[in-house]
Amino acid sequence: MEFLPAPGQGALGIQCRSNDQNTRALLVPLDDPNTRHAIDAERSLLAALGTGCLLPVGAYASVNENLLTLRGMLAVDDDTLPHFGDATGTVSEATTIGHGLGKRLQSGQTTLGDSS
C-alpha cells in the first residue's frame, strides 16, 4: 500500500523582522519558487480538511515547468483503505488545486486503497 508524507514535510521556513531590509535581501536567494508553490498546494489541502495533526493526511506536490501536480491521501477512522486523489494545474493555481483536492478527499470522491 502506498502512503504519502505529511503536508509540508521537509520544507524549511525562515522568518525575519519585516522591517529588516538587510536581512530580507540576504534571504531572497534562499527562496525556491517551485518549492513554495508545492508547499502552498499541500498546506491548502490540509486547510480544506480543517485539520492539522489530528487526521492521517498525506500530500506530495511537484512542479515541472509551470505545471503543478498534487497527490493527496486521507485515511479514515474505520477499517476502509485510505482515499487517494490527484490534481493538476498551473503553479499560480496552487492554493486552488490544494483546496479542491482536499474537499474531494473529504467527500470520498477519490480512489480507495493501493493506487500503484
PDB file of N, CA and C in Angstrom:
ATOM      1  N   MET A   1       0.839  -1.172   0.000  1.00  0.00           N
ATOM      2  CA  MET A   1       0.000   0.000   0.000  1.00  0.00           C
ATOM      3  C   MET A   1       0.889   1.242   0.000  1.00  0.00           C
ATOM      4  N   GLU A   2       0.449   2.237  -0.687  1.00  0.00           N
ATOM      5  CA  GLU A   2       1.177   3.494  -0.808  1.00  0.00           C
ATOM      6  C   GLU A   2       0.766   4.459   0.302  1.00  0.00           C
ATOM      7  N   PHE A   3       1.739   5.177   0.846  1.00  0.00           N
ATOM      8  CA  PHE A   3       1.464   6.262   1.774  1.00  0.00           C
ATOM      9  C   PHE A   3       2.262   7.469   1.326  1.00  0.00           C
ATOM     10  N   LEU A   4       1.769   8.625   1.633  1.00  0.00           N
ATOM     11  CA  LEU A   4       2.409   9.876   1.255  1.00  0.00           C
ATOM     12  C   LEU A   4       2.932  10.584   2.502  1.00  0.00           C
ATOM     13  N   PRO A   5       3.941  11.435   2.351  1.00  0.00           N
ATOM     14  CA  PRO A   5       4.456  12.174   3.508  1.00  0.00           C
ATOM     15  C   PRO A   5       3.439  13.200   4.006  1.00  0.00           C
ATOM     16  N   ALA A   6       3.646  13.668   5.205  1.00  0.00           N
ATOM     17  CA  ALA A   6       2.803  14.725   5.760  1.00  0.00           C
ATOM     18  C   ALA A   6       2.943  15.991   4.915  1.00  0.00           C
ATOM     19  N   PRO A   7       1.879  16.774   4.777  1.00  0.00           N
ATOM     20  CA  PRO A   7       1.980  18.020   4.011  1.00  0.00           C
ATOM     21  C   PRO A   7       3.086  18.919   4.555  1.00  0.00           C
ATOM     22  N   GLY A   8       3.898  19.428   3.663  1.00  0.00           N
ATOM     23  CA  GLY A   8       4.987  20.327   4.047  1.00  0.00           C
ATOM     24  C   GLY A   8       6.215  19.627   4.592  1.00  0.00           C
ATOM     25  N   GLN A   9       6.213  18.309   4.594  1.00  0.00           N
ATOM     26  CA  GLN A   9       7.334  17.542   5.157  1.00  0.00           C
ATOM     27  C   GLN A   9       8.634  17.912   4.445  1.00  0.00           C
ATOM     28  N   GLY A  10       9.627  18.277   5.212  1.00  0.00           N
ATOM     29  CA  GLY A  10      10.946  18.564   4.664  1.00  0.00           C
ATOM     30  C   GLY A  10      11.151  19.997   4.216  1.00  0.00           C
ATOM     31  N   ALA A  11      10.112  20.805   4.182  1.00  0.00           N
ATOM     32  CA  ALA A  11      10.272  22.206   3.775  1.00  0.00           C
ATOM     33  C   ALA A  11      10.706  23.031   4.980  1.00  0.00           C
ATOM     34  N   LEU A  12      11.567  23.977   4.735  1.00  0.00           N
ATOM     35  CA  LEU A  12      12.041  24.860   5.801  1.00  0.00           C
ATOM     36  C   LEU A  12      11.425  26.234   5.643  1.00  0.00           C
ATOM     37  N   GLY A  13      11.078  26.840   6.753  1.00  0.00           N
ATOM     38  CA  GLY A  13      10.578  28.204   6.751  1.00  0.00           C
ATOM     39  C   GLY A  13      11.564  29.097   7.476  1.00  0.00           C
ATOM     40  N   ILE A  14      11.796  30.255   6.914  1.00  0.00           N
ATOM     41  CA  ILE A  14      12.724  31.200   7.531  1.00  0.00           C
ATOM     42  C   ILE A  14      11.967  32.482   7.823  1.00  0.00           C
ATOM     43  N   GLN A  15      12.144  33.000   9.031  1.00  0.00           N
ATOM     44  CA  GLN A  15      11.493  34.234   9.435  1.00  0.00           C
ATOM     45  C   GLN A  15      12.527  35.302   9.728  1.00  0.00           C
ATOM     46  N   CYS A  16      12.118  36.533   9.495  1.00  0.00           N
ATOM     47  CA  CYS A  16      12.911  37.672   9.946  1.00  0.00           C
ATOM     48  C   CYS A  16      11.956  38.836  10.173  1.00  0.00           C
ATOM     49  N   ARG A  17      12.466  39.868  10.790  1.00  0.00           N
ATOM     50  CA  ARG A  17      11.641  41.048  11.033  1.00  0.00           C
ATOM     51  C   ARG A  17      11.255  41.682   9.696  1.00  0.00           C
ATOM     52  N   SER A  18       9.993  42.065   9.560  1.00  0.00           N
ATOM     53  CA  SER A  18       9.521  42.623   8.289  1.00  0.00           C
ATOM     54  C   SER A  18      10.206  43.942   7.942  1.00  0.00           C
ATOM     55  N   ASN A  19      10.682  44.681   8.921  1.00  0.00           N
ATOM     56  CA  ASN A  19      11.337  45.963   8.647  1.00  0.00           C
ATOM     57  C   ASN A  19      12.856  45.848   8.543  1.00  0.00           C
ATOM     58  N   ASP A  20      13.399  44.649   8.563  1.00  0.00           N
ATOM     59  CA  ASP A  20      14.848  44.435   8.464  1.00  0.00           C
ATOM     60  C   ASP A  20      15.214  44.158   7.002  1.00  0.00           C
ATOM     61  N   GLN A  21      15.358  45.228   6.247  1.00  0.00           N
ATOM     62  CA  GLN A  21      15.595  45.103   4.804  1.00  0.00           C
ATOM     63  C   GLN A  21      16.928  44.428   4.470  1.00  0.00           C
ATOM     64  N   ASN A  22      17.946  44.621   5.278  1.00  0.00           N
ATOM     65  CA  ASN A  22      19.243  43.983   5.016  1.00  0.00           C
ATOM     66  C   ASN A  22      19.134  42.461   5.103  1.00  0.00           C
ATOM     67  N   THR A  23      18.484  41.974   6.157  1.00  0.00           N
ATOM     68  CA  THR A  23      18.316  40.526   6.314  1.00  0.00           C
ATOM     69  C   THR A  23      17.400  39.974   5.230  1.00  0.00           C
ATOM     70  N   ARG A  24      16.329  40.694   4.935  1.00  0.00           N
ATOM     71  CA  ARG A  24      15.408  40.234   3.877  1.00  0.00           C
ATOM     72  C   ARG A  24      16.135  40.088   2.551  1.00  0.00           C
ATOM     73  N   ALA A  25      17.022  41.024   2.243  1.00  0.00           N
ATOM     74  CA  ALA A  25      17.776  40.949   0.991  1.00  0.00           C
ATOM     75  C   ALA A  25      18.701  39.731   0.967  1.00  0.00           C
ATOM     76  N   LEU A  26      19.270  39.396   2.122  1.00  0.00           N
ATOM     77  CA  LEU A  26      20.134  38.216   2.206  1.00  0.00           C
ATOM     78  C   LEU A  26      19.346  36.913   2.036  1.00  0.00           C
ATOM     79  N   LEU A  27      18.079  36.917   2.403  1.00  0.00           N
ATOM     80  CA  LEU A  27      17.265  35.704   2.359  1.00  0.00           C
ATOM     81  C   LEU A  27      16.641  35.433   0.987  1.00  0.00           C
ATOM     82  N   VAL A  28      16.564  36.432   0.130  1.00  0.00           N
ATOM     83  CA  VAL A  28      15.924  36.269  -1.184  1.00  0.00           C
ATOM     84  C   VAL A  28      16.463  35.072  -1.966  1.00  0.00           C
ATOM     85  N   PRO A  29      17.779  34.859  -2.045  1.00  0.00           N
ATOM     86  CA  PRO A  29      18.277  33.718  -2.824  1.00  0.00           C
ATOM     87  C   PRO A  29      17.884  32.350  -2.250  1.00  0.00           C
ATOM     88  N   LEU A  30      17.448  32.309  -0.989  1.00  0.00           N
ATOM     89  CA  LEU A  30      17.073  31.037  -0.372  1.00  0.00           C
ATOM     90  C   LEU A  30      15.667  30.588  -0.750  1.00  0.00           C
ATOM     91  N   ASP A  31      14.878  31.498  -1.310  1.00  0.00           N
ATOM     92  CA  ASP A  31      13.506  31.154  -1.692  1.00  0.00           C
ATOM     93  C   ASP A  31      13.516  30.413  -3.021  1.00  0.00           C
ATOM     94  N   ASP A  32      12.935  29.213  -3.025  1.00  0.00           N
ATOM     95  CA  ASP A  32      12.786  28.441  -4.251  1.00  0.00           C
ATOM     96  C   ASP A  32      11.311  28.493  -4.653  1.00  0.00           C
ATOM     97  N   PRO A  33      10.973  29.199  -5.731  1.00  0.00           N
ATOM     98  CA  PRO A  33       9.571  29.364  -6.104  1.00  0.00           C
ATOM     99  C   PRO A  33       8.825  28.040  -6.299  1.00  0.00           C
ATOM    100  N   ASN A  34       9.456  27.047  -6.895  1.00  0.00           N
ATOM    101  CA  ASN A  34       8.777  25.770  -7.107  1.00  0.00           C
ATOM    102  C   ASN A  34       8.423  25.101  -5.783  1.00  0.00           C
ATOM    103  N   THR A  35       9.348  25.140  -4.828  1.00  0.00           N
ATOM    104  CA  THR A  35       9.076  24.577  -3.509  1.00  0.00           C
ATOM    105  C   THR A  35       7.955  25.350  -2.831  1.00  0.00           C
ATOM    106  N   ARG A  36       7.986  26.668  -2.939  1.00  0.00           N
ATOM    107  CA  ARG A  36       6.945  27.496  -2.325  1.00  0.00           C
ATOM    108  C   ARG A  36       5.572  27.152  -2.900  1.00  0.00           C
ATOM    109  N   HIS A  37       5.473  27.003  -4.227  1.00  0.00           N
ATOM    110  CA  HIS A  37       4.186  26.648  -4.849  1.00  0.00           C
ATOM    111  C   HIS A  37       3.718  25.256  -4.389  1.00  0.00           C
ATOM    112  N   ALA A  38       4.651  24.318  -4.328  1.00  0.00           N
ATOM    113  CA  ALA A  38       4.302  22.960  -3.890  1.00  0.00           C
ATOM    114  C   ALA A  38       3.774  22.976  -2.457  1.00  0.00           C
ATOM    115  N   ILE A  39       4.443  23.698  -1.582  1.00  0.00           N
ATOM    116  CA  ILE A  39       4.028  23.765  -0.184  1.00  0.00           C
ATOM    117  C   ILE A  39       2.705  24.505  -0.044  1.00  0.00           C
ATOM    118  N   ASP A  40       2.496  25.543  -0.856  1.00  0.00           N
ATOM    119  CA  ASP A  40       1.199  26.234  -0.832  1.00  0.00           C
ATOM    120  C   ASP A  40       0.067  25.263  -1.161  1.00  0.00           C
ATOM    121  N   ALA A  41       0.271  24.409  -2.156  1.00  0.00           N
ATOM    122  CA  ALA A  41      -0.757  23.429  -2.535  1.00  0.00           C
ATOM    123  C   ALA A  41      -0.985  22.423  -1.416  1.00  0.00           C
ATOM    124  N   GLU A  42       0.093  21.899  -0.845  1.00  0.00           N
ATOM    125  CA  GLU A  42      -0.033  20.901   0.227  1.00  0.00           C
ATOM    126  C   GLU A  42      -0.730  21.489   1.456  1.00  0.00           C
ATOM    127  N   ARG A  43      -0.366  22.698   1.835  1.00  0.00           N
ATOM    128  CA  ARG A  43      -0.979  23.318   3.011  1.00  0.00           C
ATOM    129  C   ARG A  43      -2.439  23.686   2.758  1.00  0.00           C
ATOM    130  N   SER A  44      -2.780  24.021   1.528  1.00  0.00           N
ATOM    131  CA  SER A  44      -4.177  24.314   1.195  1.00  0.00           C
ATOM    132  C   SER A  44      -5.031  23.064   1.278  1.00  0.00           C
ATOM    133  N   LEU A  45      -4.466  21.922   0.891  1.00  0.00           N
ATOM    134  CA  LEU A  45      -5.171  20.653   1.034  1.00  0.00           C
ATOM    135  C   LEU A  45      -5.485  20.425   2.513  1.00  0.00           C
ATOM    136  N   LEU A  46      -4.508  20.621   3.356  1.00  0.00           N
ATOM    137  CA  LEU A  46      -4.681  20.440   4.801  1.00  0.00           C
ATOM    138  C   LEU A  46      -5.732  21.407   5.350  1.00  0.00           C
ATOM    139  N   ALA A  47      -5.684  22.654   4.924  1.00  0.00           N
ATOM    140  CA  ALA A  47      -6.647  23.657   5.384  1.00  0.00           C
ATOM    141  C   ALA A  47      -8.068  23.299   4.947  1.00  0.00           C
ATOM    142  N   ALA A  48      -8.214  22.769   3.739  1.00  0.00           N
ATOM    143  CA  ALA A  48      -9.539  22.382   3.243  1.00  0.00           C
ATOM    144  C   ALA A  48     -10.141  21.273   4.090  1.00  0.00           C
ATOM    145  N   LEU A  49      -9.290  20.426   4.636  1.00  0.00           N
ATOM    146  CA  LEU A  49      -9.767  19.352   5.512  1.00  0.00           C
ATOM    147  C   LEU A  49     -10.051  19.858   6.925  1.00  0.00           C
ATOM    148  N   GLY A  50      -9.632  21.088   7.215  1.00  0.00           N
ATOM    149  CA  GLY A  50      -9.883  21.682   8.521  1.00  0.00           C
ATOM    150  C   GLY A  50      -9.122  21.004   9.637  1.00  0.00           C
ATOM    151  N   THR A  51      -7.918  20.574   9.342  1.00  0.00           N
ATOM    152  CA  THR A  51      -7.146  19.835  10.344  1.00  0.00           C
ATOM    153  C   THR A  51      -5.689  20.263  10.309  1.00  0.00           C
ATOM    154  N   GLY A  52      -4.964  19.782  11.267  1.00  0.00           N
ATOM    155  CA  GLY A  52      -3.520  19.950  11.323  1.00  0.00           C
ATOM    156  C   GLY A  52      -2.926  18.577  11.503  1.00  0.00           C
ATOM    157  N   CYS A  53      -2.718  18.196  12.737  1.00  0.00           N
ATOM    158  CA  CYS A  53      -2.113  16.896  13.048  1.00  0.00           C
ATOM    159  C   CYS A  53      -3.135  15.869  13.532  1.00  0.00           C
ATOM    160  N   LEU A  54      -4.415  16.196  13.460  1.00  0.00           N
ATOM    161  CA  LEU A  54      -5.426  15.321  14.040  1.00  0.00           C
ATOM    162  C   LEU A  54      -5.869  14.182  13.119  1.00  0.00           C
ATOM    163  N   LEU A  55      -5.689  14.328  11.830  1.00  0.00           N
ATOM    164  CA  LEU A  55      -6.076  13.287  10.877  1.00  0.00           C
ATOM    165  C   LEU A  55      -4.849  12.765  10.147  1.00  0.00           C
ATOM    166  N   PRO A  56      -4.858  11.501   9.772  1.00  0.00           N
ATOM    167  CA  PRO A  56      -3.758  10.976   8.968  1.00  0.00           C
ATOM    168  C   PRO A  56      -3.911  11.423   7.514  1.00  0.00           C
ATOM    169  N   VAL A  57      -3.185  12.472   7.174  1.00  0.00           N
ATOM    170  CA  VAL A  57      -3.249  13.084   5.854  1.00  0.00           C
ATOM    171  C   VAL A  57      -1.856  13.049   5.238  1.00  0.00           C
ATOM    172  N   GLY A  58      -1.789  12.758   3.959  1.00  0.00           N
ATOM    173  CA  GLY A  58      -0.535  12.813   3.229  1.00  0.00           C
ATOM    174  C   GLY A  58      -0.707  13.689   2.006  1.00  0.00           C
ATOM    175  N   ALA A  59       0.364  14.339   1.592  1.00  0.00           N
ATOM    176  CA  ALA A  59       0.322  15.172   0.385  1.00  0.00           C
ATOM    177  C   ALA A  59       1.716  15.276  -0.197  1.00  0.00           C
ATOM    178  N   TYR A  60       1.773  15.236  -1.514  1.00  0.00           N
ATOM    179  CA  TYR A  60       3.053  15.429  -2.189  1.00  0.00           C
ATOM    180  C   TYR A  60       2.805  16.191  -3.476  1.00  0.00           C
ATOM    181  N   ALA A  61       3.357  17.385  -3.552  1.00  0.00           N
ATOM    182  CA  ALA A  61       3.226  18.214  -4.751  1.00  0.00           C
ATOM    183  C   ALA A  61       4.580  18.316  -5.435  1.00  0.00           C
ATOM    184  N   SER A  62       4.547  18.355  -6.744  1.00  0.00           N
ATOM    185  CA  SER A  62       5.766  18.558  -7.522  1.00  0.00           C
ATOM    186  C   SER A  62       5.476  19.554  -8.629  1.00  0.00           C
ATOM    187  N   VAL A  63       6.519  20.232  -9.066  1.00  0.00           N
ATOM    188  CA  VAL A  63       6.393  21.236 -10.114  1.00  0.00           C
ATOM    189  C   VAL A  63       7.338  20.884 -11.244  1.00  0.00           C
ATOM    190  N   ASN A  64       6.804  20.899 -12.450  1.00  0.00           N
ATOM    191  CA  ASN A  64       7.598  20.692 -13.662  1.00  0.00           C
ATOM    192  C   ASN A  64       7.239  21.814 -14.620  1.00  0.00           C
ATOM    193  N   GLU A  65       8.219  22.705 -14.852  1.00  0.00           N
ATOM    194  CA  GLU A  65       7.981  23.919 -15.627  1.00  0.00           C
ATOM    195  C   GLU A  65       6.930  24.744 -14.889  1.00  0.00           C
ATOM    196  N   ASN A  66       5.766  24.964 -15.487  1.00  0.00           N
ATOM    197  CA  ASN A  66       4.699  25.744 -14.865  1.00  0.00           C
ATOM    198  C   ASN A  66       3.558  24.850 -14.374  1.00  0.00           C
ATOM    199  N   LEU A  67       3.734  23.528 -14.447  1.00  0.00           N
ATOM    200  CA  LEU A  67       2.683  22.578 -14.100  1.00  0.00           C
ATOM    201  C   LEU A  67       2.898  22.018 -12.701  1.00  0.00           C
ATOM    202  N   LEU A  68       1.893  22.159 -11.856  1.00  0.00           N
ATOM    203  CA  LEU A  68       1.940  21.631 -10.502  1.00  0.00           C
ATOM    204  C   LEU A  68       1.048  20.400 -10.432  1.00  0.00           C
ATOM    205  N   THR A  69       1.580  19.317  -9.880  1.00  0.00           N
ATOM    206  CA  THR A  69       0.822  18.088  -9.679  1.00  0.00           C
ATOM    207  C   THR A  69       0.803  17.788  -8.185  1.00  0.00           C
ATOM    208  N   LEU A  70      -0.386  17.551  -7.660  1.00  0.00           N
ATOM    209  CA  LEU A  70      -0.569  17.281  -6.242  1.00  0.00           C
ATOM    210  C   LEU A  70      -1.224  15.919  -6.076  1.00  0.00           C
ATOM    211  N   ARG A  71      -0.647  15.106  -5.223  1.00  0.00           N
ATOM    212  CA  ARG A  71      -1.225  13.803  -4.868  1.00  0.00           C
ATOM    213  C   ARG A  71      -1.561  13.876  -3.384  1.00  0.00           C
ATOM    214  N   GLY A  72      -2.760  13.466  -3.027  1.00  0.00           N
ATOM    215  CA  GLY A  72      -3.192  13.542  -1.642  1.00  0.00           C
ATOM    216  C   GLY A  72      -3.740  12.222  -1.143  1.00  0.00           C
ATOM    217  N   MET A  73      -3.717  12.048   0.164  1.00  0.00           N
ATOM    218  CA  MET A  73      -4.210  10.833   0.813  1.00  0.00           C
ATOM    219  C   MET A  73      -4.875  11.216   2.124  1.00  0.00           C
ATOM    220  N   LEU A  74      -6.021  10.599   2.394  1.00  0.00           N
ATOM    221  CA  LEU A  74      -6.708  10.779   3.660  1.00  0.00           C
ATOM    222  C   LEU A  74      -7.126   9.409   4.157  1.00  0.00           C
ATOM    223  N   ALA A  75      -6.644   9.032   5.334  1.00  0.00           N
ATOM    224  CA  ALA A  75      -7.068   7.784   5.965  1.00  0.00           C
ATOM    225  C   ALA A  75      -8.261   8.111   6.857  1.00  0.00           C
ATOM    226  N   VAL A  76      -9.241   7.258   6.829  1.00  0.00           N
ATOM    227  CA  VAL A  76     -10.445   7.490   7.623  1.00  0.00           C
ATOM    228  C   VAL A  76     -10.394   6.657   8.897  1.00  0.00           C
ATOM    229  N   ASP A  77     -11.298   6.906   9.810  1.00  0.00           N
ATOM    230  CA  ASP A  77     -11.265   6.271  11.119  1.00  0.00           C
ATOM    231  C   ASP A  77     -11.673   4.802  11.128  1.00  0.00           C
ATOM    232  N   ASP A  78     -12.415   4.373  10.144  1.00  0.00           N
ATOM    233  CA  ASP A  78     -12.865   2.976  10.165  1.00  0.00           C
ATOM    234  C   ASP A  78     -11.826   2.075   9.487  1.00  0.00           C
ATOM    235  N   ASP A  79     -12.208   0.889   9.145  1.00  0.00           N
ATOM    236  CA  ASP A  79     -11.261  -0.079   8.587  1.00  0.00           C
ATOM    237  C   ASP A  79     -11.111  -0.002   7.069  1.00  0.00           C
ATOM    238  N   THR A  80     -11.660   1.014   6.425  1.00  0.00           N
ATOM    239  CA  THR A  80     -11.529   1.113   4.974  1.00  0.00           C
ATOM    240  C   THR A  80     -10.124   1.585   4.600  1.00  0.00           C
ATOM    241  N   LEU A  81      -9.792   1.363   3.371  1.00  0.00           N
ATOM    242  CA  LEU A  81      -8.495   1.803   2.860  1.00  0.00           C
ATOM    243  C   LEU A  81      -8.475   3.318   2.741  1.00  0.00           C
ATOM    244  N   PRO A  82      -7.293   3.934   2.726  1.00  0.00           N
ATOM    245  CA  PRO A  82      -7.222   5.394   2.598  1.00  0.00           C
ATOM    246  C   PRO A  82      -7.754   5.855   1.243  1.00  0.00           C
ATOM    247  N   HIS A  83      -8.209   7.099   1.216  1.00  0.00           N
ATOM    248  CA  HIS A  83      -8.640   7.745  -0.017  1.00  0.00           C
ATOM    249  C   HIS A  83      -7.429   8.429  -0.655  1.00  0.00           C
ATOM    250  N   PHE A  84      -7.274   8.260  -1.966  1.00  0.00           N
ATOM    251  CA  PHE A  84      -6.206   8.909  -2.718  1.00  0.00           C
ATOM    252  C   PHE A  84      -6.811   9.777  -3.811  1.00  0.00           C
ATOM    253  N   GLY A  85      -6.140  10.842  -4.140  1.00  0.00           N
ATOM    254  CA  GLY A  85      -6.585  11.686  -5.239  1.00  0.00           C
ATOM    255  C   GLY A  85      -5.438  12.462  -5.820  1.00  0.00           C
ATOM    256  N   ASP A  86      -5.630  12.941  -7.030  1.00  0.00           N
ATOM    257  CA  ASP A  86      -4.634  13.729  -7.742  1.00  0.00           C
ATOM    258  C   ASP A  86      -5.290  14.978  -8.299  1.00  0.00           C
ATOM    259  N   ALA A  87      -4.508  16.025  -8.445  1.00  0.00           N
ATOM    260  CA  ALA A  87      -4.978  17.249  -9.078  1.00  0.00           C
ATOM    261  C   ALA A  87      -3.791  17.915  -9.757  1.00  0.00           C
ATOM    262  N   THR A  88      -4.059  18.589 -10.848  1.00  0.00           N
ATOM    263  CA  THR A  88      -3.007  19.231 -11.635  1.00  0.00           C
ATOM    264  C   THR A  88      -3.491  20.595 -12.111  1.00  0.00           C
ATOM    265  N   GLY A  89      -2.565  21.525 -12.210  1.00  0.00           N
ATOM    266  CA  GLY A  89      -2.866  22.855 -12.738  1.00  0.00           C
ATOM    267  C   GLY A  89      -1.594  23.672 -12.788  1.00  0.00           C
ATOM    268  N   THR A  90      -1.740  24.937 -13.064  1.00  0.00           N
ATOM    269  CA  THR A  90      -0.564  25.804 -13.131  1.00  0.00           C
ATOM    270  C   THR A  90      -0.120  26.191 -11.724  1.00  0.00           C
ATOM    271  N   VAL A  91       1.118  26.609 -11.604  1.00  0.00           N
ATOM    272  CA  VAL A  91       1.644  26.985 -10.287  1.00  0.00           C
ATOM    273  C   VAL A  91       0.875  28.155  -9.686  1.00  0.00           C
ATOM    274  N   SER A  92       0.315  29.017 -10.515  1.00  0.00           N
ATOM    275  CA  SER A  92      -0.452  30.147  -9.989  1.00  0.00           C
ATOM    276  C   SER A  92      -1.759  29.694  -9.347  1.00  0.00           C
ATOM    277  N   GLU A  93      -2.172  28.463  -9.596  1.00  0.00           N
ATOM    278  CA  GLU A  93      -3.395  27.910  -9.025  1.00  0.00           C
ATOM    279  C   GLU A  93      -3.115  26.998  -7.826  1.00  0.00           C
ATOM    280  N   ALA A  94      -1.933  27.068  -7.248  1.00  0.00           N
ATOM    281  CA  ALA A  94      -1.507  26.124  -6.210  1.00  0.00           C
ATOM    282  C   ALA A  94      -2.507  26.005  -5.070  1.00  0.00           C
ATOM    283  N   THR A  95      -2.962  27.125  -4.524  1.00  0.00           N
ATOM    284  CA  THR A  95      -3.879  27.045  -3.386  1.00  0.00           C
ATOM    285  C   THR A  95      -5.250  26.513  -3.805  1.00  0.00           C
ATOM    286  N   THR A  96      -5.687  26.865  -4.993  1.00  0.00           N
ATOM    287  CA  THR A  96      -6.966  26.358  -5.501  1.00  0.00           C
ATOM    288  C   THR A  96      -6.897  24.860  -5.733  1.00  0.00           C
ATOM    289  N   ILE A  97      -5.791  24.382  -6.271  1.00  0.00           N
ATOM    290  CA  ILE A  97      -5.592  22.951  -6.511  1.00  0.00           C
ATOM    291  C   ILE A  97      -5.633  22.194  -5.192  1.00  0.00           C
ATOM    292  N   GLY A  98      -4.900  22.679  -4.198  1.00  0.00           N
ATOM    293  CA  GLY A  98      -4.865  22.024  -2.900  1.00  0.00           C
ATOM    294  C   GLY A  98      -6.221  22.013  -2.224  1.00  0.00           C
ATOM    295  N   HIS A  99      -6.903  23.134  -2.258  1.00  0.00           N
ATOM    296  CA  HIS A  99      -8.217  23.223  -1.622  1.00  0.00           C
ATOM    297  C   HIS A  99      -9.207  22.274  -2.300  1.00  0.00           C
ATOM    298  N   GLY A 100      -9.207  22.278  -3.618  1.00  0.00           N
ATOM    299  CA  GLY A 100     -10.126  21.405  -4.346  1.00  0.00           C
ATOM    300  C   GLY A 100      -9.891  19.935  -4.065  1.00  0.00           C
ATOM    301  N   LEU A 101      -8.620  19.524  -4.046  1.00  0.00           N
ATOM    302  CA  LEU A 101      -8.313  18.120  -3.772  1.00  0.00           C
ATOM    303  C   LEU A 101      -8.668  17.769  -2.329  1.00  0.00           C
ATOM    304  N   GLY A 102      -8.433  18.678  -1.404  1.00  0.00           N
ATOM    305  CA  GLY A 102      -8.810  18.434  -0.015  1.00  0.00           C
ATOM    306  C   GLY A 102     -10.303  18.191   0.127  1.00  0.00           C
ATOM    307  N   LYS A 103     -11.101  18.987  -0.552  1.00  0.00           N
ATOM    308  CA  LYS A 103     -12.562  18.818  -0.497  1.00  0.00           C
ATOM    309  C   LYS A 103     -12.983  17.499  -1.145  1.00  0.00           C
ATOM    310  N   ARG A 104     -12.327  17.109  -2.241  1.00  0.00           N
ATOM    311  CA  ARG A 104     -12.643  15.825  -2.871  1.00  0.00           C
ATOM    312  C   ARG A 104     -12.295  14.664  -1.954  1.00  0.00           C
ATOM    313  N   LEU A 105     -11.143  14.733  -1.285  1.00  0.00           N
ATOM    314  CA  LEU A 105     -10.765  13.678  -0.346  1.00  0.00           C
ATOM    315  C   LEU A 105     -11.777  13.587   0.793  1.00  0.00           C
ATOM    316  N   GLN A 106     -12.187  14.735   1.291  1.00  0.00           N
ATOM    317  CA  GLN A 106     -13.125  14.785   2.400  1.00  0.00           C
ATOM    318  C   GLN A 106     -14.475  14.179   2.023  1.00  0.00           C
ATOM    319  N   SER A 107     -14.899  14.387   0.795  1.00  0.00           N
ATOM    320  CA  SER A 107     -16.201  13.879   0.366  1.00  0.00           C
ATOM    321  C   SER A 107     -16.152  12.444  -0.116  1.00  0.00           C
ATOM    322  N   GLY A 108     -14.926  11.879  -0.215  1.00  0.00           N
ATOM    323  CA  GLY A 108     -14.785  10.488  -0.657  1.00  0.00           C
ATOM    324  C   GLY A 108     -14.836  10.329  -2.165  1.00  0.00           C
ATOM    325  N   GLN A 109     -14.738  11.434  -2.933  1.00  0.00           N
ATOM    326  CA  GLN A 109     -14.782  11.378  -4.390  1.00  0.00           C
ATOM    327  C   GLN A 109     -13.389  11.102  -4.947  1.00  0.00           C
ATOM    328  N   THR A 110     -12.782  10.046  -4.487  1.00  0.00           N
ATOM    329  CA  THR A 110     -11.428   9.691  -4.874  1.00  0.00           C
ATOM    330  C   THR A 110     -11.327   8.181  -4.971  1.00  0.00           C
ATOM    331  N   THR A 111     -10.131   7.680  -5.248  1.00  0.00           N
ATOM    332  CA  THR A 111      -9.919   6.236  -5.294  1.00  0.00           C
ATOM    333  C   THR A 111      -9.606   5.717  -3.905  1.00  0.00           C
ATOM    334  N   LEU A 112      -9.857   4.458  -3.675  1.00  0.00           N
ATOM    335  CA  LEU A 112      -9.555   3.832  -2.395  1.00  0.00           C
ATOM    336  C   LEU A 112      -8.379   2.899  -2.542  1.00  0.00           C
ATOM    337  N   GLY A 113      -7.554   2.839  -1.502  1.00  0.00           N
ATOM    338  CA  GLY A 113      -6.537   1.806  -1.408  1.00  0.00           C
ATOM    339  C   GLY A 113      -5.319   2.030  -2.244  1.00  0.00           C
ATOM    340  N   ASP A 114      -4.653   0.945  -2.553  1.00  0.00           N
ATOM    341  CA  ASP A 114      -3.387   0.952  -3.257  1.00  0.00           C
ATOM    342  C   ASP A 114      -3.601   1.420  -4.677  1.00  0.00           C
ATOM    343  N   SER A 115      -3.053   2.584  -4.992  1.00  0.00           N
ATOM    344  CA  SER A 115      -3.253   3.148  -6.317  1.00  0.00           C
ATOM    345  C   SER A 115      -2.039   2.940  -7.219  1.00  0.00           C
ATOM    346  N   SER A 116      -1.070   2.161  -6.780  1.00  0.00           N
ATOM    347  CA  SER A 116       0.128   1.977  -7.589  1.00  0.00           C
ATOM    348  C   SER A 116      -0.085   0.947  -8.677  1.00  0.00           C
TER     349      SER A 116
END
